[in-house]
N, C-alpha and C. Protein backbone atom coordinates (compact mmCIF):
# COMPACT_ATOMS: atom_id res chain seq x y z
N MET A 1 -12.74 -6.11 -31.15
CA MET A 1 -13.95 -5.04 -30.60
C MET A 1 -12.93 -5.67 -29.42
N ASN A 2 -13.33 -4.22 -28.73
CA ASN A 2 -12.75 -3.76 -27.27
C ASN A 2 -14.55 -3.79 -26.43
N THR A 3 -14.39 -4.78 -25.61
CA THR A 3 -15.41 -4.75 -24.84
C THR A 3 -15.11 -4.39 -23.54
N ALA A 4 -14.13 -3.60 -23.59
CA ALA A 4 -13.24 -3.41 -22.25
C ALA A 4 -14.80 -2.10 -21.13
N LYS A 5 -14.73 -2.60 -20.33
CA LYS A 5 -15.99 -1.35 -19.75
C LYS A 5 -14.93 -0.67 -18.94
N THR A 6 -15.08 0.96 -19.67
CA THR A 6 -14.49 2.06 -18.54
C THR A 6 -14.95 2.14 -17.60
N ALA A 7 -14.10 2.31 -16.34
CA ALA A 7 -14.49 2.21 -14.56
C ALA A 7 -14.99 3.80 -14.36
N VAL A 8 -16.13 3.62 -14.03
CA VAL A 8 -16.87 4.75 -13.17
C VAL A 8 -16.97 5.01 -12.03
N HIS A 9 -16.97 6.02 -11.36
CA HIS A 9 -16.71 5.94 -9.93
C HIS A 9 -17.64 7.43 -9.47
N PHE A 10 -18.76 7.36 -8.83
CA PHE A 10 -19.14 8.25 -8.22
C PHE A 10 -19.19 8.71 -6.73
N THR A 11 -18.74 10.09 -6.48
CA THR A 11 -18.35 10.06 -4.89
C THR A 11 -19.12 11.92 -5.04
N ASP A 12 -19.55 11.44 -3.67
CA ASP A 12 -20.45 13.14 -3.45
C ASP A 12 -18.80 13.96 -2.82
N ASN A 13 -18.96 15.15 -3.37
CA ASN A 13 -18.03 15.76 -2.59
C ASN A 13 -17.71 16.37 -1.59
N VAL A 14 -19.04 15.94 -0.90
CA VAL A 14 -19.04 16.37 0.76
C VAL A 14 -17.71 15.14 1.57
N LEU A 15 -18.07 14.02 0.56
CA LEU A 15 -16.92 12.67 1.21
C LEU A 15 -15.36 13.03 0.46
N ILE A 16 -15.61 14.02 -0.96
CA ILE A 16 -14.25 14.01 -1.28
C ILE A 16 -13.45 15.20 -0.41
N SER A 17 -14.18 16.82 -0.20
CA SER A 17 -13.53 17.39 0.83
C SER A 17 -14.30 17.96 1.66
N PRO A 18 -14.41 17.07 2.83
CA PRO A 18 -15.24 17.60 4.19
C PRO A 18 -14.72 18.50 4.72
N THR A 19 -15.87 18.98 5.25
CA THR A 19 -15.81 20.44 5.80
C THR A 19 -16.01 19.83 7.32
N ASN A 20 -16.25 19.17 7.75
CA ASN A 20 -15.93 18.40 9.35
C ASN A 20 -15.19 17.17 9.47
N PRO A 21 -14.54 16.90 10.56
CA PRO A 21 -14.10 15.93 10.73
C PRO A 21 -15.07 15.00 11.19
N ILE A 22 -14.55 13.75 10.75
CA ILE A 22 -15.51 12.67 11.17
C ILE A 22 -14.94 12.14 12.24
N SER A 23 -15.56 11.06 13.03
CA SER A 23 -14.76 10.52 14.33
C SER A 23 -15.74 8.93 14.24
N VAL A 24 -14.59 8.03 14.50
CA VAL A 24 -15.17 6.64 14.85
C VAL A 24 -15.26 6.12 16.10
N ASN A 25 -16.08 5.22 16.25
CA ASN A 25 -16.40 4.87 17.44
C ASN A 25 -15.99 3.34 17.28
N LEU A 26 -15.00 2.72 17.60
CA LEU A 26 -14.71 1.36 17.07
C LEU A 26 -15.04 0.31 18.75
N ILE A 27 -15.83 -0.54 18.58
CA ILE A 27 -16.59 -0.93 20.31
C ILE A 27 -15.90 -2.87 19.60
N GLY A 28 -15.03 -3.24 20.21
CA GLY A 28 -14.23 -4.39 20.36
C GLY A 28 -13.41 -4.22 19.38
N ALA A 29 -12.07 -4.89 19.77
CA ALA A 29 -11.25 -5.07 18.83
C ALA A 29 -10.41 -6.60 19.19
N GLY A 30 -11.51 -7.47 18.78
CA GLY A 30 -11.20 -9.00 18.61
C GLY A 30 -10.51 -9.33 18.01
N GLY A 31 -10.80 -10.57 16.69
CA GLY A 31 -10.43 -10.76 15.38
C GLY A 31 -11.08 -9.98 15.03
N THR A 32 -12.46 -9.54 14.72
CA THR A 32 -12.24 -8.74 13.12
C THR A 32 -11.74 -7.54 13.56
N GLY A 33 -12.45 -6.98 15.01
CA GLY A 33 -12.03 -5.61 14.96
C GLY A 33 -10.38 -5.03 15.20
N SER A 34 -9.77 -6.13 15.12
CA SER A 34 -8.30 -6.00 15.16
C SER A 34 -7.77 -5.31 14.06
N LYS A 35 -8.65 -6.46 12.73
CA LYS A 35 -8.04 -5.84 11.52
C LYS A 35 -8.84 -4.58 11.04
N VAL A 36 -10.34 -4.16 12.06
CA VAL A 36 -11.08 -2.95 11.49
C VAL A 36 -9.57 -1.96 11.98
N LEU A 37 -9.55 -1.83 13.23
CA LEU A 37 -8.27 -0.98 13.89
C LEU A 37 -7.52 -0.98 13.35
N THR A 38 -6.62 -1.82 12.62
CA THR A 38 -5.53 -1.77 11.73
C THR A 38 -5.68 -0.45 10.38
N ALA A 39 -7.01 -0.84 10.01
CA ALA A 39 -7.25 -0.66 8.67
C ALA A 39 -7.55 1.19 9.27
N LEU A 40 -8.58 1.25 10.64
CA LEU A 40 -8.24 2.63 10.56
C LEU A 40 -6.93 3.19 10.47
N MET A 41 -6.26 3.06 11.22
CA MET A 41 -4.56 3.88 11.39
C MET A 41 -4.33 4.13 10.17
N GLU A 42 -4.19 2.98 9.70
CA GLU A 42 -4.07 2.83 8.05
C GLU A 42 -4.45 4.09 7.11
N ILE A 43 -5.91 4.51 7.37
CA ILE A 43 -6.62 5.37 6.42
C ILE A 43 -5.97 6.86 7.76
N ASN A 44 -6.36 7.01 8.75
CA ASN A 44 -6.02 7.93 9.25
C ASN A 44 -4.31 8.50 9.12
N GLU A 45 -3.46 8.15 9.15
CA GLU A 45 -2.17 7.90 7.90
C GLU A 45 -2.09 8.63 6.28
N SER A 46 -3.29 8.33 5.90
CA SER A 46 -2.71 8.36 4.57
C SER A 46 -3.93 9.27 4.25
N LEU A 47 -4.77 10.24 5.17
CA LEU A 47 -5.63 11.16 5.38
C LEU A 47 -4.12 12.45 5.87
N ILE A 48 -3.36 12.26 6.60
CA ILE A 48 -2.43 12.89 7.32
C ILE A 48 -1.70 13.43 6.32
N ALA A 49 -1.10 12.03 5.52
CA ALA A 49 -0.08 12.52 4.22
C ALA A 49 -0.95 13.58 2.86
N LEU A 50 -2.25 13.14 3.35
CA LEU A 50 -2.73 13.85 1.87
C LEU A 50 -3.30 15.58 2.11
N GLY A 51 -3.31 15.61 3.59
CA GLY A 51 -3.34 16.77 4.62
C GLY A 51 -5.01 17.27 4.27
N GLN A 52 -5.50 15.59 4.44
CA GLN A 52 -6.96 15.71 5.24
C GLN A 52 -7.01 15.81 6.37
N TYR A 53 -8.87 16.20 6.84
CA TYR A 53 -9.12 15.39 8.29
C TYR A 53 -8.38 14.31 8.89
N ALA A 54 -8.07 14.17 10.06
CA ALA A 54 -7.55 13.18 10.29
C ALA A 54 -8.55 12.23 11.10
N LEU A 55 -8.46 10.84 11.42
CA LEU A 55 -9.69 10.70 12.13
C LEU A 55 -9.66 10.67 13.78
N PHE A 56 -8.71 10.56 14.23
CA PHE A 56 -8.61 10.36 15.34
C PHE A 56 -7.59 11.68 15.63
N PHE A 57 -7.77 12.18 17.18
CA PHE A 57 -7.10 13.96 17.13
C PHE A 57 -6.54 13.23 18.64
């Protein structure tokens, strides 16, 4: 008996193929903020590599 559940994820098409770029304001880059900043830079590089809008211009 297979009881494994199938992973299902629903995402709005606007998030997958955005028509407008997004901008992010990060206030404070202390302990938590510096981790968030690093993650935002990684997300930005991934978006550029995928040909999507970048977070930073």
